[in-house]
């Protein structure tokens, strides 16, 4: 049982004993202020309804604890365990990190508080949104799933949950196409974009002196092609000149057996396409685009 023990009541605003025009009842160790309790200037604690508690400042209610235990800040009718309403500022809440390193974490747990399901953690260098179970993170708009981050990595889209369909990599970079041997180059440039297991490449290779370099293909791909001849990918030439063999058409093939781009071509409009045509020599210039599958 709680009680309030009062040895002396003093009227600090004037002489004589204080008065309680709204009534005060002290029974069984409990003090009841009929119409609330004013604290200091403009602050109050009162009960606006049955089994409800409210806090006020500046003669206005600020916090309401409903009969079911819901807490409302800025509202007298909380619709959730914590219901915060901003009636003026667009800034509703601030969560500040600890003083040592400014890290702040918001955890989501089971009802017993024994298991962490997920958290949002703010650091000075990044924001971490994480699950601590094998559950995915799902992004939804208009009540429909749009994107899912799988627990094992990879993104799926529009309700697809299959790991085999997940986009699990994106990368951009450069590579150096070459014909090996003692060849020297005027240009030797390559760029790639890797999306999932598909590699998209553009390159230019202009030979200065072929030396002992390869004549029929070049190497130096950014990723090892997936093995199997059925996966060989075609390459398209945007420009070429000074080929060792006089050709009417030039292309390429990503050869998955030895990780190279094999030059293919026709010596006349009516001739068959030759795989591994003798192409590179002194001053040969080639601009080529191609894509292929990789297991990397």
Protein backbone atom coordinates (compact mmCIF):
# COMPACT_ATOMS: atom_id res chain seq x y z
CA UNK A 1 0.00 0.00 0.00
CA UNK A 2 1.27 3.50 -0.90
CA UNK A 3 0.68 6.54 1.20
CA UNK A 4 1.55 10.20 1.44
CA UNK A 5 2.77 11.37 4.83
CA UNK A 6 2.37 15.12 5.38
CA UNK A 7 3.96 16.73 8.42
CA UNK A 8 3.19 20.29 7.42
CA UNK A 9 1.18 22.03 4.70
CA UNK A 10 2.39 25.54 3.99
CA UNK A 11 0.81 28.21 1.85
CA UNK A 12 3.79 29.59 -0.12
CA UNK A 13 1.65 32.21 -1.87
CA UNK A 14 0.50 33.98 1.23
CA UNK A 15 -0.25 33.69 4.90
CA UNK A 16 -2.46 31.14 6.49
CA UNK A 17 -3.26 27.56 5.63
CA UNK A 18 -3.82 26.58 1.93
CA UNK A 19 -7.33 25.97 0.69
CA UNK A 20 -8.61 23.21 -1.62
CA UNK A 21 -11.70 24.61 -3.33
CA UNK A 22 -12.07 21.48 -5.51
CA UNK A 23 -11.82 19.13 -2.61
CA UNK A 24 -9.22 16.71 -1.31
CA UNK A 25 -9.78 13.28 0.10
CA UNK A 26 -7.25 11.34 2.17
CA UNK A 27 -8.28 7.79 2.97
CA UNK A 28 -6.50 4.46 3.40
CA UNK A 29 -3.17 6.15 2.70
CA UNK A 30 -4.29 7.43 -0.75
CA UNK A 31 -4.71 11.11 -1.58
CA UNK A 32 -7.30 12.01 -4.23
CA UNK A 33 -7.30 15.42 -5.88
CA UNK A 34 -10.77 15.68 -7.33
CA UNK A 35 -10.03 17.90 -10.34
CA UNK A 36 -6.30 17.30 -10.75
CA UNK A 37 -3.04 18.51 -9.34
CA UNK A 38 -1.25 21.64 -10.48
CA UNK A 39 2.54 21.42 -10.33
CA UNK A 40 4.47 24.66 -10.50
CA UNK A 41 3.22 27.14 -13.09
CA UNK A 42 1.03 25.81 -15.91
CA UNK A 43 1.87 22.11 -15.39
CA UNK A 44 -0.73 19.61 -14.24
CA UNK A 45 -1.54 15.98 -13.61
CA UNK A 46 -5.21 15.03 -13.92
CA UNK A 47 -7.65 12.32 -14.90
CA UNK A 48 -9.75 13.40 -17.88
CA UNK A 49 -11.88 10.25 -17.83
CA UNK A 50 -12.43 6.96 -16.08
CA UNK A 51 -9.12 5.08 -15.68
CA UNK A 52 -7.27 7.72 -17.72
CA UNK A 53 -4.27 9.85 -16.82
CA UNK A 54 -3.11 13.05 -18.48
CA UNK A 55 -0.13 15.38 -18.20
CA UNK A 56 -0.40 19.01 -19.14
CA UNK A 57 1.88 22.00 -19.63
CA UNK A 58 1.12 25.62 -20.38
CA UNK A 59 -2.48 24.89 -19.42
CA UNK A 60 -2.89 22.35 -22.25
CA UNK A 61 -2.92 18.54 -22.28
CA UNK A 62 0.27 17.02 -23.72
CA UNK A 63 0.27 13.31 -22.80
CA UNK A 64 -2.66 10.93 -22.37
CA UNK A 65 -2.49 7.41 -20.91
CA UNK A 66 -5.66 5.62 -21.95
CA UNK A 67 -7.62 3.10 -19.95
CA UNK A 68 -5.99 0.23 -21.89
CA UNK A 69 -2.47 1.55 -21.23
CA UNK A 70 -1.90 3.18 -24.64
CA UNK A 71 0.15 6.35 -24.50
CA UNK A 72 -0.67 9.32 -26.69
CA UNK A 73 1.63 12.29 -27.17
CA UNK A 74 -0.09 15.18 -28.86
CA UNK A 75 -3.37 13.24 -28.97
CA UNK A 76 -6.05 12.48 -26.39
CA UNK A 77 -7.14 9.33 -28.24
CA UNK A 78 -4.10 7.05 -28.75
CA UNK A 79 -4.73 4.37 -31.34
CA UNK A 80 -1.61 2.31 -30.61
CA UNK A 81 0.60 1.41 -27.67
CA UNK A 82 2.49 4.62 -28.47
CA UNK A 83 0.74 7.18 -30.66
CA UNK A 84 2.69 10.37 -31.41
CA UNK A 85 1.03 13.26 -33.21
CA UNK A 86 2.82 16.43 -34.24
CA UNK A 87 0.41 19.33 -34.46
CA UNK A 88 2.96 21.89 -35.61
CA UNK A 89 6.46 20.65 -36.45
CA UNK A 90 7.08 18.08 -39.22
CA UNK A 91 9.83 16.64 -37.03
CA UNK A 92 8.02 14.06 -34.89
CA UNK A 93 10.84 12.34 -33.00
CA UNK A 94 14.61 12.26 -32.51
CA UNK A 95 16.67 9.24 -31.58
CA UNK A 96 20.19 10.15 -30.51
CA UNK A 97 23.17 7.83 -30.46
CA UNK A 98 25.30 7.17 -27.41
CA UNK A 99 27.98 9.67 -26.46
CA UNK A 100 30.98 7.37 -27.07
CA UNK A 101 30.49 6.82 -30.83
CA UNK A 102 27.03 8.20 -31.74
CA UNK A 103 25.68 4.71 -32.47
CA UNK A 104 21.91 4.38 -32.01
CA UNK A 105 19.96 1.13 -32.41
CA UNK A 106 16.24 0.40 -32.54
CA UNK A 107 15.48 -3.30 -31.90
CA UNK A 108 12.40 -5.34 -32.82
CA UNK A 109 11.89 -8.36 -30.53
CA UNK A 110 9.40 -11.07 -29.69
CA UNK A 111 6.81 -10.27 -27.04
CA UNK A 112 8.86 -11.84 -24.26
CA UNK A 113 11.91 -9.75 -25.19
CA UNK A 114 14.08 -12.85 -25.44
CA UNK A 115 14.71 -12.88 -29.21
CA UNK A 116 15.89 -10.09 -31.49
CA UNK A 117 14.18 -10.27 -34.86
CA UNK A 118 15.55 -7.15 -36.54
CA UNK A 119 17.09 -3.78 -35.91
CA UNK A 120 17.80 -0.41 -37.45
CA UNK A 121 21.16 1.01 -36.44
CA UNK A 122 22.48 4.46 -37.23
CA UNK A 123 26.21 5.16 -37.35
CA UNK A 124 28.19 8.18 -38.41
CA UNK A 125 29.24 6.38 -41.62
CA UNK A 126 26.17 4.31 -42.61
CA UNK A 127 22.66 3.12 -41.75
CA UNK A 128 22.29 -0.60 -41.02
CA UNK A 129 18.87 -2.22 -41.59
CA UNK A 130 19.15 -5.85 -40.56
CA UNK A 131 17.42 -9.06 -39.54
CA UNK A 132 18.95 -11.36 -36.93
CA UNK A 133 17.09 -14.42 -38.20
CA UNK A 134 16.87 -16.20 -41.56
CA UNK A 135 13.96 -13.99 -42.60
CA UNK A 136 14.19 -11.71 -45.65
CA UNK A 137 13.64 -7.96 -45.81
CA UNK A 138 10.61 -7.11 -47.94
CA UNK A 139 9.77 -3.79 -49.63
CA UNK A 140 6.10 -3.15 -50.40
CA UNK A 141 4.18 -0.42 -52.20
CA UNK A 142 0.41 -0.17 -52.67
CA UNK A 143 0.04 -3.31 -50.51
CA UNK A 144 2.03 -5.44 -52.97
CA UNK A 145 5.53 -6.84 -52.62
CA UNK A 146 7.95 -5.12 -55.00
CA UNK A 147 11.40 -6.25 -53.85
CA UNK A 148 12.78 -8.86 -51.46
CA UNK A 149 16.29 -9.03 -50.01
CA UNK A 150 16.88 -12.72 -49.33
CA UNK A 151 18.53 -13.82 -46.10
CA UNK A 152 21.27 -15.55 -48.09
CA UNK A 153 21.85 -12.52 -50.33
CA UNK A 154 20.34 -11.48 -53.64
CA UNK A 155 17.31 -9.46 -54.72
CA UNK A 156 14.05 -10.78 -56.14
CA UNK A 157 11.24 -8.69 -57.52
CA UNK A 158 7.42 -8.51 -57.56
CA UNK A 159 6.71 -11.44 -55.27
CA UNK A 160 9.33 -13.85 -56.63
CA UNK A 161 10.96 -15.69 -53.69
CA UNK A 162 13.19 -18.16 -55.57
CA UNK A 163 16.88 -17.85 -54.75
CA UNK A 164 17.71 -19.13 -58.25
CA UNK A 165 16.06 -16.02 -59.71
CA UNK A 166 17.75 -13.55 -57.37
CA UNK A 167 19.96 -10.77 -58.67
CA UNK A 168 23.05 -11.40 -56.59
CA UNK A 169 25.73 -9.18 -58.12
CA UNK A 170 26.35 -5.91 -59.92
CA UNK A 171 29.81 -4.68 -60.83
CA UNK A 172 31.52 -2.29 -63.23
CA UNK A 173 35.19 -2.32 -64.12
CA UNK A 174 37.93 -2.54 -66.72
CA UNK A 175 39.92 -5.34 -68.29
CA UNK A 176 42.93 -5.58 -70.59
CA UNK A 177 42.40 -7.54 -73.82
CA UNK A 178 45.62 -8.97 -75.22
CA UNK A 179 47.03 -11.45 -77.71
CA UNK A 180 49.89 -12.46 -75.38
CA UNK A 181 53.38 -13.19 -76.71
CA UNK A 182 55.59 -10.22 -77.53
CA UNK A 183 52.87 -8.09 -79.12
CA UNK A 184 52.84 -4.36 -78.51
CA UNK A 185 49.76 -2.13 -78.63
CA UNK A 186 48.57 1.30 -79.62
CA UNK A 187 45.22 0.78 -77.85
CA UNK A 188 44.40 -1.90 -75.30
CA UNK A 189 41.20 -1.02 -73.47
CA UNK A 190 38.20 -2.89 -72.10
CA UNK A 191 35.22 -2.04 -69.90
CA UNK A 192 32.57 -4.37 -68.48
CA UNK A 193 29.33 -4.42 -66.52
CA UNK A 194 28.44 -7.58 -64.64
CA UNK A 195 24.76 -8.09 -63.75
CA UNK A 196 24.12 -11.35 -61.97
CA UNK A 197 25.90 -14.03 -64.01
CA UNK A 198 25.91 -12.01 -67.25
CA UNK A 199 29.01 -10.03 -68.27
CA UNK A 200 28.65 -7.24 -70.86
CA UNK A 201 31.91 -6.08 -72.45
CA UNK A 202 33.18 -3.45 -74.84
CA UNK A 203 36.82 -3.35 -75.89
CA UNK A 204 39.30 -1.94 -78.37
CA UNK A 205 42.56 -3.59 -79.24
CA UNK A 206 44.93 -2.05 -81.81
CA UNK A 207 48.13 -3.91 -82.44
CA UNK A 208 51.33 -1.99 -82.99
CA UNK A 209 53.52 -5.02 -83.62
CA UNK A 210 52.12 -8.56 -83.46
CA UNK A 211 55.43 -10.19 -82.60
CA UNK A 212 54.66 -13.69 -81.28
CA UNK A 213 51.10 -12.82 -80.29
CA UNK A 214 48.02 -14.83 -81.21
CA UNK A 215 46.55 -14.23 -84.66
CA UNK A 216 43.09 -15.76 -84.24
CA UNK A 217 41.89 -14.71 -80.77
CA UNK A 218 42.52 -12.54 -77.75
CA UNK A 219 42.40 -13.25 -74.02
CA UNK A 220 42.16 -11.22 -70.80
CA UNK A 221 38.41 -11.50 -70.11
CA UNK A 222 37.29 -9.99 -66.78
CA UNK A 223 35.62 -13.24 -65.61
CA UNK A 224 36.00 -16.86 -66.58
CA UNK A 225 33.16 -17.90 -68.93
CA UNK A 226 30.83 -20.67 -67.80
CA UNK A 227 31.97 -23.93 -69.33
CA UNK A 228 30.06 -25.65 -72.15
CA UNK A 229 30.07 -24.91 -75.89
CA UNK A 230 26.31 -24.31 -75.86
CA UNK A 231 27.00 -21.20 -73.83
CA UNK A 232 29.39 -19.70 -76.36
CA UNK A 233 28.35 -16.09 -76.90
CA UNK A 234 28.56 -14.05 -80.08
CA UNK A 235 30.57 -10.85 -80.35
CA UNK A 236 29.80 -7.99 -82.72
CA UNK A 237 32.48 -5.85 -84.34
CA UNK A 238 31.71 -2.15 -84.53
CA UNK A 239 34.91 -1.37 -86.44
CA UNK A 240 37.99 -3.13 -87.78
CA UNK A 241 40.86 -2.46 -90.16
CA UNK A 242 44.19 -3.92 -91.29
CA UNK A 243 43.22 -7.55 -90.70
CA UNK A 244 45.79 -10.18 -91.69
CA UNK A 245 43.19 -11.81 -93.94
CA UNK A 246 41.02 -9.84 -96.34
CA UNK A 247 37.51 -10.13 -94.87
CA UNK A 248 34.03 -8.87 -95.78
CA UNK A 249 32.60 -9.46 -92.31
CA UNK A 250 34.13 -9.84 -88.84
CA UNK A 251 32.64 -11.03 -85.59
CA UNK A 252 33.70 -12.98 -82.56
CA UNK A 253 32.80 -15.87 -80.30
CA UNK A 254 33.43 -16.19 -76.58
CA UNK A 255 35.02 -19.62 -76.40
CA UNK A 256 34.27 -21.19 -73.05
CA UNK A 257 36.77 -24.00 -73.35
CA UNK A 258 39.91 -21.85 -73.16
CA UNK A 259 38.59 -18.48 -71.93
CA UNK A 260 39.15 -16.44 -75.07
CA UNK A 261 37.35 -14.45 -77.75
CA UNK A 262 37.83 -16.26 -81.04
CA UNK A 263 37.68 -14.06 -84.16
CA UNK A 264 35.29 -15.27 -86.85
CA UNK A 265 34.82 -13.85 -90.35
CA UNK A 266 33.95 -14.23 -94.01
CA UNK A 267 36.37 -13.84 -96.88
CA UNK A 268 33.49 -13.12 -99.30
CA UNK A 269 29.77 -12.54 -99.16
CA UNK A 270 29.06 -16.09 -100.34
CA UNK A 271 31.69 -17.90 -98.28
CA UNK A 272 31.13 -19.78 -95.03
CA UNK A 273 31.97 -18.16 -91.74
CA UNK A 274 35.43 -19.20 -90.59
CA UNK A 275 35.96 -19.79 -86.86
CA UNK A 276 39.42 -18.74 -85.79
CA UNK A 277 40.23 -16.72 -88.86
CA UNK A 278 43.74 -15.32 -89.14
CA UNK A 279 42.99 -11.75 -88.10
CA UNK A 280 45.55 -9.99 -85.89
CA UNK A 281 48.73 -8.62 -87.40
CA UNK A 282 50.73 -5.41 -87.38
CA UNK A 283 48.44 -2.33 -87.09
CA UNK A 284 45.24 -4.42 -86.81
CA UNK A 285 42.49 -2.43 -85.09
CA UNK A 286 39.32 -3.96 -83.63
CA UNK A 287 36.39 -2.57 -81.60
CA UNK A 288 34.18 -5.36 -80.29
CA UNK A 289 31.10 -5.77 -78.06
CA UNK A 290 30.05 -9.05 -76.49
CA UNK A 291 28.41 -10.62 -73.47
CA UNK A 292 28.68 -14.05 -71.90
CA UNK A 293 27.67 -16.10 -68.87
CA UNK A 294 29.99 -16.68 -65.94
CA UNK A 295 29.80 -18.68 -62.74
CA UNK A 296 31.93 -16.16 -60.85
